[in-house]
Amino acid sequence: MTDWLAQVDTGRSLLSDFSSRPLSEYRDYVGGLGDSATLFELDSSLHTGLGVNGLLGADALSSRAVLDDPELEIEVADRVEDLLSPQQAGRLEALEDLRRVLASVDPKVVEMLEGGWHVVSTTPPAAAEMAAQCAVESIDRAIRAAAPDDDVERWLPTSGRPTKEWRSPTGRLTRSVRIRYIMRGHKDEARMTCTMADNLISLQKLTTERAQAIKHASAGDVAMARSLLSTAEHILTMLFVVEDN
């Protein structure tokens, strides 16, 4: 996917930091595993890689060049679908794992994900915007439930995290510290998960531009919705399903 995008880019900036940074962190992680990687590390590399695939697709589809060129949009959407389709075979099985684990965290999270995939199947106008809302809300609900304020507040002074990372401008605990609390003890994996989540949120904001630019669910809109939901599911899998055996 990245090689093909590089070939067709010709200065149009189809990819941005929203996907290049997660991709760089993922490559560094995989490159450092060596020959004796643990099952946890292998599972982490798998789900992070699949999550980054979704970010790559959503990033390319949200670029101004794609929004302004219907033919390029169809071409990129086809490539994104080709990238994500092999993942769909195991998606329902993975969702069952999430449903089982998240039942004790917040059952509404699975409802949010299923709502997002319903959007993909019905393709209403602004499908990407609606699916992105489901993707982001599923993550936020899950991490708020699994990392309650009181627990995180007690952990932070001994966490080693810089105080500037603790709170948002509104004074609330950040998404980053909640994720790192849930994944405490796994520095590299937590960093990758935080990066994926942060950039998923950033891409969600760009879907508003797409929603304003189109009056129906285009091929790019549907592919972007699928990309964002796929990334959200792999973030949640990293947080709640992958176990350190």
C-alpha atoms as a PDB file:
ATOM      1  CA  MET A   1       0.000   0.000   0.000  1.00  0.00           C
ATOM      2  CA  THR A   2       2.696   2.490   0.943  1.00  0.00           C
ATOM      3  CA  ASP A   3       4.739   1.618  -2.166  1.00  0.00           C
ATOM      4  CA  TRP A   4       1.725   2.138  -4.416  1.00  0.00           C
ATOM      5  CA  LEU A   5       0.825   5.441  -2.752  1.00  0.00           C
ATOM      6  CA  ALA A   6       4.395   6.627  -3.184  1.00  0.00           C
ATOM      7  CA  GLN A   7       4.154   5.846  -6.917  1.00  0.00           C
ATOM      8  CA  VAL A   8       0.901   7.761  -7.458  1.00  0.00           C
ATOM      9  CA  ASP A   9       1.581  10.585  -5.005  1.00  0.00           C
ATOM     10  CA  THR A  10       3.725  12.846  -7.249  1.00  0.00           C
ATOM     11  CA  GLY A  11       3.703  15.617  -4.679  1.00  0.00           C
ATOM     12  CA  ARG A  12       0.004  15.389  -3.748  1.00  0.00           C
ATOM     13  CA  SER A  13       0.666  14.450  -0.108  1.00  0.00           C
ATOM     14  CA  LEU A  14      -1.658  11.471   0.042  1.00  0.00           C
ATOM     15  CA  LEU A  15      -0.146  10.458   3.390  1.00  0.00           C
ATOM     16  CA  SER A  16       0.549  12.651   6.395  1.00  0.00           C
ATOM     17  CA  ASP A  17       1.886  12.293   9.930  1.00  0.00           C
ATOM     18  CA  PHE A  18      -1.450  10.722  10.872  1.00  0.00           C
ATOM     19  CA  SER A  19      -0.238   7.459   9.355  1.00  0.00           C
ATOM     20  CA  SER A  20       3.510   7.924   8.827  1.00  0.00           C
ATOM     21  CA  ARG A  21       4.291   8.206  12.542  1.00  0.00           C
ATOM     22  CA  PRO A  22       2.349   5.061  13.543  1.00  0.00           C
ATOM     23  CA  LEU A  23       3.910   3.229  10.598  1.00  0.00           C
ATOM     24  CA  SER A  24       7.401   4.301  11.670  1.00  0.00           C
ATOM     25  CA  GLU A  25       6.844   3.161  15.258  1.00  0.00           C
ATOM     26  CA  TYR A  26       5.454  -0.159  14.041  1.00  0.00           C
ATOM     27  CA  ARG A  27       8.430  -0.780  11.755  1.00  0.00           C
ATOM     28  CA  ASP A  28      10.865   0.043  14.565  1.00  0.00           C
ATOM     29  CA  TYR A  29       9.029  -2.328  16.894  1.00  0.00           C
ATOM     30  CA  VAL A  30       8.991  -5.220  14.443  1.00  0.00           C
ATOM     31  CA  GLY A  31      12.607  -4.576  13.505  1.00  0.00           C
ATOM     32  CA  GLY A  32      13.645  -4.853  17.140  1.00  0.00           C
ATOM     33  CA  LEU A  33      11.886  -8.135  17.943  1.00  0.00           C
ATOM     34  CA  GLY A  34      14.710 -10.389  16.837  1.00  0.00           C
ATOM     35  CA  ASP A  35      14.452 -14.190  16.645  1.00  0.00           C
ATOM     36  CA  SER A  36      13.141 -14.808  20.160  1.00  0.00           C
ATOM     37  CA  ALA A  37       9.980 -12.738  20.202  1.00  0.00           C
ATOM     38  CA  THR A  38       7.374 -13.723  22.791  1.00  0.00           C
ATOM     39  CA  LEU A  39       3.797 -14.627  21.887  1.00  0.00           C
ATOM     40  CA  PHE A  40       2.708 -11.310  23.397  1.00  0.00           C
ATOM     41  CA  GLU A  41       5.120  -9.411  21.154  1.00  0.00           C
ATOM     42  CA  LEU A  42       4.025 -11.329  18.069  1.00  0.00           C
ATOM     43  CA  ASP A  43       0.348 -10.719  18.815  1.00  0.00           C
ATOM     44  CA  SER A  44       1.106  -7.058  19.490  1.00  0.00           C
ATOM     45  CA  SER A  45       2.943  -6.700  16.193  1.00  0.00           C
ATOM     46  CA  LEU A  46       0.046  -8.385  14.356  1.00  0.00           C
ATOM     47  CA  HIS A  47      -2.718  -6.179  15.739  1.00  0.00           C
ATOM     48  CA  THR A  48      -0.659  -3.007  15.593  1.00  0.00           C
ATOM     49  CA  GLY A  49       0.171  -3.715  11.955  1.00  0.00           C
ATOM     50  CA  LEU A  50      -3.480  -4.321  11.095  1.00  0.00           C
ATOM     51  CA  GLY A  51      -4.471  -1.154  12.941  1.00  0.00           C
ATOM     52  CA  VAL A  52      -1.880   0.860  11.042  1.00  0.00           C
ATOM     53  CA  ASN A  53      -3.332  -0.490   7.789  1.00  0.00           C
ATOM     54  CA  GLY A  54      -6.600   1.197   8.691  1.00  0.00           C
ATOM     55  CA  LEU A  55      -4.839   4.470   9.480  1.00  0.00           C
ATOM     56  CA  LEU A  56      -3.030   4.368   6.125  1.00  0.00           C
ATOM     57  CA  GLY A  57      -6.310   3.935   4.290  1.00  0.00           C
ATOM     58  CA  ALA A  58      -8.152   6.637   6.207  1.00  0.00           C
ATOM     59  CA  ASP A  59      -5.234   9.057   5.891  1.00  0.00           C
ATOM     60  CA  ALA A  60      -5.004   8.679   2.117  1.00  0.00           C
ATOM     61  CA  LEU A  61      -8.767   8.952   1.678  1.00  0.00           C
ATOM     62  CA  SER A  62      -8.954  12.130   3.783  1.00  0.00           C
ATOM     63  CA  SER A  63      -6.303  13.967   1.761  1.00  0.00           C
ATOM     64  CA  ARG A  64      -7.340  17.060  -0.192  1.00  0.00           C
ATOM     65  CA  ALA A  65      -5.987  15.507  -3.393  1.00  0.00           C
ATOM     66  CA  VAL A  66      -8.405  12.588  -3.085  1.00  0.00           C
ATOM     67  CA  LEU A  67     -11.345  14.780  -2.111  1.00  0.00           C
ATOM     68  CA  ASP A  68     -10.780  16.914  -5.208  1.00  0.00           C
ATOM     69  CA  ASP A  69     -10.318  14.035  -7.683  1.00  0.00           C
ATOM     70  CA  PRO A  70     -13.225  11.540  -8.004  1.00  0.00           C
ATOM     71  CA  GLU A  71     -11.198   9.154 -10.173  1.00  0.00           C
ATOM     72  CA  LEU A  72      -8.310   9.116  -7.713  1.00  0.00           C
ATOM     73  CA  GLU A  73     -10.796   8.594  -4.865  1.00  0.00           C
ATOM     74  CA  ILE A  74     -12.153   5.449  -6.526  1.00  0.00           C
ATOM     75  CA  GLU A  75      -8.646   4.183  -7.229  1.00  0.00           C
ATOM     76  CA  VAL A  76      -7.474   4.746  -3.646  1.00  0.00           C
ATOM     77  CA  ALA A  77     -10.726   3.294  -2.233  1.00  0.00           C
ATOM     78  CA  ASP A  78     -10.199   0.130  -4.303  1.00  0.00           C
ATOM     79  CA  ARG A  79      -6.661  -0.197  -2.962  1.00  0.00           C
ATOM     80  CA  VAL A  80      -7.853   0.318   0.600  1.00  0.00           C
ATOM     81  CA  GLU A  81     -10.525  -2.337   0.173  1.00  0.00           C
ATOM     82  CA  ASP A  82      -7.889  -4.727  -1.204  1.00  0.00           C
ATOM     83  CA  LEU A  83      -5.741  -3.981   1.850  1.00  0.00           C
ATOM     84  CA  LEU A  84      -8.519  -4.484   4.397  1.00  0.00           C
ATOM     85  CA  SER A  85     -10.494  -7.327   2.813  1.00  0.00           C
ATOM     86  CA  PRO A  86      -8.129 -10.114   3.985  1.00  0.00           C
ATOM     87  CA  GLN A  87      -8.607  -8.856   7.544  1.00  0.00           C
ATOM     88  CA  GLN A  88     -12.383  -9.206   7.379  1.00  0.00           C
ATOM     89  CA  ALA A  89     -12.289 -12.996   7.389  1.00  0.00           C
ATOM     90  CA  GLY A  90     -11.144 -13.040  10.998  1.00  0.00           C
ATOM     91  CA  ARG A  91     -12.976  -9.915  12.100  1.00  0.00           C
ATOM     92  CA  LEU A  92     -16.098 -11.595  13.459  1.00  0.00           C
ATOM     93  CA  GLU A  93     -14.022 -14.060  15.457  1.00  0.00           C
ATOM     94  CA  ALA A  94     -11.957 -11.209  16.874  1.00  0.00           C
ATOM     95  CA  LEU A  95     -15.134  -9.302  17.688  1.00  0.00           C
ATOM     96  CA  GLU A  96     -16.367 -12.294  19.662  1.00  0.00           C
ATOM     97  CA  ASP A  97     -13.189 -12.105  21.750  1.00  0.00           C
ATOM     98  CA  LEU A  98     -13.796  -8.408  22.305  1.00  0.00           C
ATOM     99  CA  ARG A  99     -17.439  -8.985  23.182  1.00  0.00           C
ATOM    100  CA  ARG A 100     -16.465 -11.580  25.760  1.00  0.00           C
ATOM    101  CA  VAL A 101     -13.803  -9.405  27.391  1.00  0.00           C
ATOM    102  CA  LEU A 102     -15.656  -6.109  27.172  1.00  0.00           C
ATOM    103  CA  ALA A 103     -18.809  -7.537  28.739  1.00  0.00           C
ATOM    104  CA  SER A 104     -17.197  -6.918  32.113  1.00  0.00           C
ATOM    105  CA  VAL A 105     -15.743  -3.551  31.095  1.00  0.00           C
ATOM    106  CA  ASP A 106     -18.586  -1.791  29.281  1.00  0.00           C
ATOM    107  CA  PRO A 107     -21.035  -3.778  27.116  1.00  0.00           C
ATOM    108  CA  LYS A 108     -21.976  -0.565  25.293  1.00  0.00           C
ATOM    109  CA  VAL A 109     -18.594  -0.629  23.568  1.00  0.00           C
ATOM    110  CA  VAL A 110     -19.553  -3.624  21.424  1.00  0.00           C
ATOM    111  CA  GLU A 111     -22.852  -1.915  20.603  1.00  0.00           C
ATOM    112  CA  MET A 112     -20.922   1.109  19.369  1.00  0.00           C
ATOM    113  CA  LEU A 113     -18.743  -1.055  17.137  1.00  0.00           C
ATOM    114  CA  GLU A 114     -21.711  -2.969  15.757  1.00  0.00           C
ATOM    115  CA  GLY A 115     -23.457   0.337  15.097  1.00  0.00           C
ATOM    116  CA  GLY A 116     -20.465   1.497  13.106  1.00  0.00           C
ATOM    117  CA  TRP A 117     -20.423  -1.646  10.973  1.00  0.00           C
ATOM    118  CA  HIS A 118     -24.162  -1.246  10.393  1.00  0.00           C
ATOM    119  CA  VAL A 119     -23.361   2.167   8.937  1.00  0.00           C
ATOM    120  CA  VAL A 120     -20.839   0.531   6.598  1.00  0.00           C
ATOM    121  CA  SER A 121     -23.440  -1.977   5.400  1.00  0.00           C
ATOM    122  CA  THR A 122     -26.209   0.597   4.832  1.00  0.00           C
ATOM    123  CA  THR A 123     -23.955   3.356   3.407  1.00  0.00           C
ATOM    124  CA  PRO A 124     -25.955   6.448   4.368  1.00  0.00           C
ATOM    125  CA  PRO A 125     -24.663   9.937   3.524  1.00  0.00           C
ATOM    126  CA  ALA A 126     -21.594  10.826   5.635  1.00  0.00           C
ATOM    127  CA  ALA A 127     -20.971   7.167   6.432  1.00  0.00           C
ATOM    128  CA  ALA A 128     -17.344   7.889   7.363  1.00  0.00           C
ATOM    129  CA  GLU A 129     -18.320  10.597   9.831  1.00  0.00           C
ATOM    130  CA  MET A 130     -20.878   8.363  11.543  1.00  0.00           C
ATOM    131  CA  ALA A 131     -18.560   5.347  11.667  1.00  0.00           C
ATOM    132  CA  ALA A 132     -15.712   7.493  13.002  1.00  0.00           C
ATOM    133  CA  GLN A 133     -17.908   8.658  15.863  1.00  0.00           C
ATOM    134  CA  CYS A 134     -18.665   5.039  16.728  1.00  0.00           C
ATOM    135  CA  ALA A 135     -14.978   4.114  16.528  1.00  0.00           C
ATOM    136  CA  VAL A 136     -13.797   6.929  18.776  1.00  0.00           C
ATOM    137  CA  GLU A 137     -16.606   6.591  21.285  1.00  0.00           C
ATOM    138  CA  SER A 138     -15.987   2.843  21.598  1.00  0.00           C
ATOM    139  CA  ILE A 139     -12.374   3.495  22.600  1.00  0.00           C
ATOM    140  CA  ASP A 140     -13.198   6.346  24.961  1.00  0.00           C
ATOM    141  CA  ARG A 141     -15.949   4.404  26.727  1.00  0.00           C
ATOM    142  CA  ALA A 142     -13.712   1.378  27.144  1.00  0.00           C
ATOM    143  CA  ILE A 143     -10.692   3.200  28.552  1.00  0.00           C
ATOM    144  CA  ARG A 144     -12.792   5.317  30.917  1.00  0.00           C
ATOM    145  CA  ALA A 145     -14.358   2.154  32.299  1.00  0.00           C
ATOM    146  CA  ALA A 146     -11.085   0.214  32.540  1.00  0.00           C
ATOM    147  CA  ALA A 147      -9.058   3.128  33.903  1.00  0.00           C
ATOM    148  CA  PRO A 148     -11.263   4.945  36.445  1.00  0.00           C
ATOM    149  CA  ASP A 149     -10.125   8.386  37.586  1.00  0.00           C
ATOM    150  CA  ASP A 150      -9.333   7.341  41.157  1.00  0.00           C
ATOM    151  CA  ASP A 151      -7.205   4.382  40.096  1.00  0.00           C
ATOM    152  CA  VAL A 152      -5.265   6.386  37.539  1.00  0.00           C
ATOM    153  CA  GLU A 153      -4.745   9.270  39.971  1.00  0.00           C
ATOM    154  CA  ARG A 154      -3.165   6.902  42.496  1.00  0.00           C
ATOM    155  CA  TRP A 155      -0.939   5.383  39.831  1.00  0.00           C
ATOM    156  CA  LEU A 156       0.315   8.547  38.161  1.00  0.00           C
ATOM    157  CA  PRO A 157       2.794   9.766  40.842  1.00  0.00           C
ATOM    158  CA  THR A 158       4.781   6.532  40.519  1.00  0.00           C
ATOM    159  CA  SER A 159       4.165   5.995  36.794  1.00  0.00           C
ATOM    160  CA  GLY A 160       7.162   7.922  35.536  1.00  0.00           C
ATOM    161  CA  ARG A 161       4.962   9.801  33.056  1.00  0.00           C
ATOM    162  CA  PRO A 162       5.734  13.542  32.693  1.00  0.00           C
ATOM    163  CA  THR A 163       3.172  15.675  34.492  1.00  0.00           C
ATOM    164  CA  LYS A 164       2.429  17.573  31.279  1.00  0.00           C
ATOM    165  CA  GLU A 165       0.895  14.353  29.901  1.00  0.00           C
ATOM    166  CA  TRP A 166      -1.468  13.865  32.815  1.00  0.00           C
ATOM    167  CA  ARG A 167      -4.288  16.253  31.994  1.00  0.00           C
ATOM    168  CA  SER A 168      -5.973  17.897  29.058  1.00  0.00           C
ATOM    169  CA  PRO A 169      -6.421  21.698  28.931  1.00  0.00           C
ATOM    170  CA  THR A 170      -9.810  21.170  30.596  1.00  0.00           C
ATOM    171  CA  GLY A 171      -8.185  19.378  33.548  1.00  0.00           C
ATOM    172  CA  ARG A 172      -9.374  15.889  32.694  1.00  0.00           C
ATOM    173  CA  LEU A 173      -7.107  12.848  32.630  1.00  0.00           C
ATOM    174  CA  THR A 174      -5.813  12.333  29.111  1.00  0.00           C
ATOM    175  CA  ARG A 175      -6.545   9.419  26.872  1.00  0.00           C
ATOM    176  CA  SER A 176      -2.812   8.696  26.825  1.00  0.00           C
ATOM    177  CA  VAL A 177      -2.445   8.182  30.572  1.00  0.00           C
ATOM    178  CA  ARG A 178      -5.534   5.984  30.700  1.00  0.00           C
ATOM    179  CA  ILE A 179      -4.141   3.760  27.951  1.00  0.00           C
ATOM    180  CA  ARG A 180      -0.746   3.600  29.630  1.00  0.00           C
ATOM    181  CA  TYR A 181      -2.440   2.683  32.920  1.00  0.00           C
ATOM    182  CA  ILE A 182      -4.278  -0.193  31.239  1.00  0.00           C
ATOM    183  CA  MET A 183      -1.079  -1.346  29.496  1.00  0.00           C
ATOM    184  CA  ARG A 184       1.290  -0.584  32.369  1.00  0.00           C
ATOM    185  CA  GLY A 185       4.411  -2.694  32.195  1.00  0.00           C
ATOM    186  CA  HIS A 186       4.476  -2.624  28.389  1.00  0.00           C
ATOM    187  CA  LYS A 187       6.162   0.615  27.380  1.00  0.00           C
ATOM    188  CA  ASP A 188       6.669   0.034  23.659  1.00  0.00           C
ATOM    189  CA  GLU A 189       3.274  -1.566  23.074  1.00  0.00           C
ATOM    190  CA  ALA A 190       1.544   1.184  25.057  1.00  0.00           C
ATOM    191  CA  ARG A 191       3.310   3.870  23.017  1.00  0.00           C
ATOM    192  CA  MET A 192       2.168   2.316  19.745  1.00  0.00           C
ATOM    193  CA  THR A 193      -1.395   1.973  21.005  1.00  0.00           C
ATOM    194  CA  CYS A 194      -1.433   5.603  22.162  1.00  0.00           C
ATOM    195  CA  THR A 195      -0.124   6.747  18.803  1.00  0.00           C
ATOM    196  CA  MET A 196      -2.777   4.773  16.921  1.00  0.00           C
ATOM    197  CA  ALA A 197      -5.536   6.133  19.174  1.00  0.00           C
ATOM    198  CA  ASP A 198      -4.326   9.741  18.921  1.00  0.00           C
ATOM    199  CA  ASN A 199      -4.206   9.599  15.139  1.00  0.00           C
ATOM    200  CA  LEU A 200      -7.563   7.870  14.888  1.00  0.00           C
ATOM    201  CA  ILE A 201      -9.009  10.829  16.826  1.00  0.00           C
ATOM    202  CA  SER A 202      -7.265  13.261  14.479  1.00  0.00           C
ATOM    203  CA  LEU A 203      -8.620  11.464  11.413  1.00  0.00           C
ATOM    204  CA  GLN A 204     -12.098  11.506  12.911  1.00  0.00           C
ATOM    205  CA  LYS A 205     -11.993  15.291  12.816  1.00  0.00           C
ATOM    206  CA  LEU A 206     -11.138  15.242   9.114  1.00  0.00           C
ATOM    207  CA  THR A 207     -14.238  13.215   8.316  1.00  0.00           C
ATOM    208  CA  THR A 208     -16.320  16.341   8.906  1.00  0.00           C
ATOM    209  CA  GLU A 209     -14.672  17.872   5.840  1.00  0.00           C
ATOM    210  CA  ARG A 210     -15.557  14.802   3.804  1.00  0.00           C
ATOM    211  CA  ALA A 211     -19.138  14.901   5.090  1.00  0.00           C
ATOM    212  CA  GLN A 212     -19.455  18.521   3.971  1.00  0.00           C
ATOM    213  CA  ALA A 213     -17.904  17.799   0.578  1.00  0.00           C
ATOM    214  CA  ILE A 214     -20.214  14.983  -0.523  1.00  0.00           C
ATOM    215  CA  LYS A 215     -23.971  14.430  -0.628  1.00  0.00           C
ATOM    216  CA  HIS A 216     -23.951  10.645  -0.747  1.00  0.00           C
ATOM    217  CA  ALA A 217     -21.869   7.723   0.446  1.00  0.00           C
ATOM    218  CA  SER A 218     -19.082   7.517  -2.140  1.00  0.00           C
ATOM    219  CA  ALA A 219     -16.680   4.612  -2.518  1.00  0.00           C
ATOM    220  CA  GLY A 220     -14.104   6.617  -0.579  1.00  0.00           C
ATOM    221  CA  ASP A 221     -16.559   7.366   2.208  1.00  0.00           C
ATOM    222  CA  VAL A 222     -17.372   3.683   2.713  1.00  0.00           C
ATOM    223  CA  ALA A 223     -13.710   2.628   2.541  1.00  0.00           C
ATOM    224  CA  MET A 224     -12.783   5.300   5.066  1.00  0.00           C
ATOM    225  CA  ALA A 225     -15.522   4.125   7.439  1.00  0.00           C
ATOM    226  CA  ARG A 226     -14.202   0.578   7.195  1.00  0.00           C
ATOM    227  CA  SER A 227     -10.638   1.804   7.800  1.00  0.00           C
ATOM    228  CA  LEU A 228     -11.501   3.727  10.960  1.00  0.00           C
ATOM    229  CA  LEU A 229     -13.571   0.928  12.467  1.00  0.00           C
ATOM    230  CA  SER A 230     -10.895  -1.639  11.703  1.00  0.00           C
ATOM    231  CA  THR A 231      -8.279   0.455  13.492  1.00  0.00           C
ATOM    232  CA  ALA A 232     -10.558   0.951  16.493  1.00  0.00           C
ATOM    233  CA  GLU A 233     -11.102  -2.791  16.847  1.00  0.00           C
ATOM    234  CA  HIS A 234      -7.386  -3.510  16.767  1.00  0.00           C
ATOM    235  CA  ILE A 235      -6.709  -0.790  19.342  1.00  0.00           C
ATOM    236  CA  LEU A 236      -9.287  -2.378  21.625  1.00  0.00           C
ATOM    237  CA  THR A 237      -7.788  -5.804  20.970  1.00  0.00           C
ATOM    238  CA  MET A 238      -4.372  -4.487  22.005  1.00  0.00           C
ATOM    239  CA  LEU A 239      -5.885  -3.042  25.175  1.00  0.00           C
ATOM    240  CA  PHE A 240      -8.099  -5.902  26.295  1.00  0.00           C
ATOM    241  CA  VAL A 241      -7.521  -9.140  24.387  1.00  0.00           C
ATOM    242  CA  VAL A 242      -3.790  -9.557  23.810  1.00  0.00           C
ATOM    243  CA  GLU A 243      -2.420 -11.174  26.938  1.00  0.00           C
ATOM    244  CA  ASP A 244       1.134 -11.310  28.269  1.00  0.00           C
ATOM    245  CA  ASN A 245       1.575 -15.034  28.846  1.00  0.00           C
END
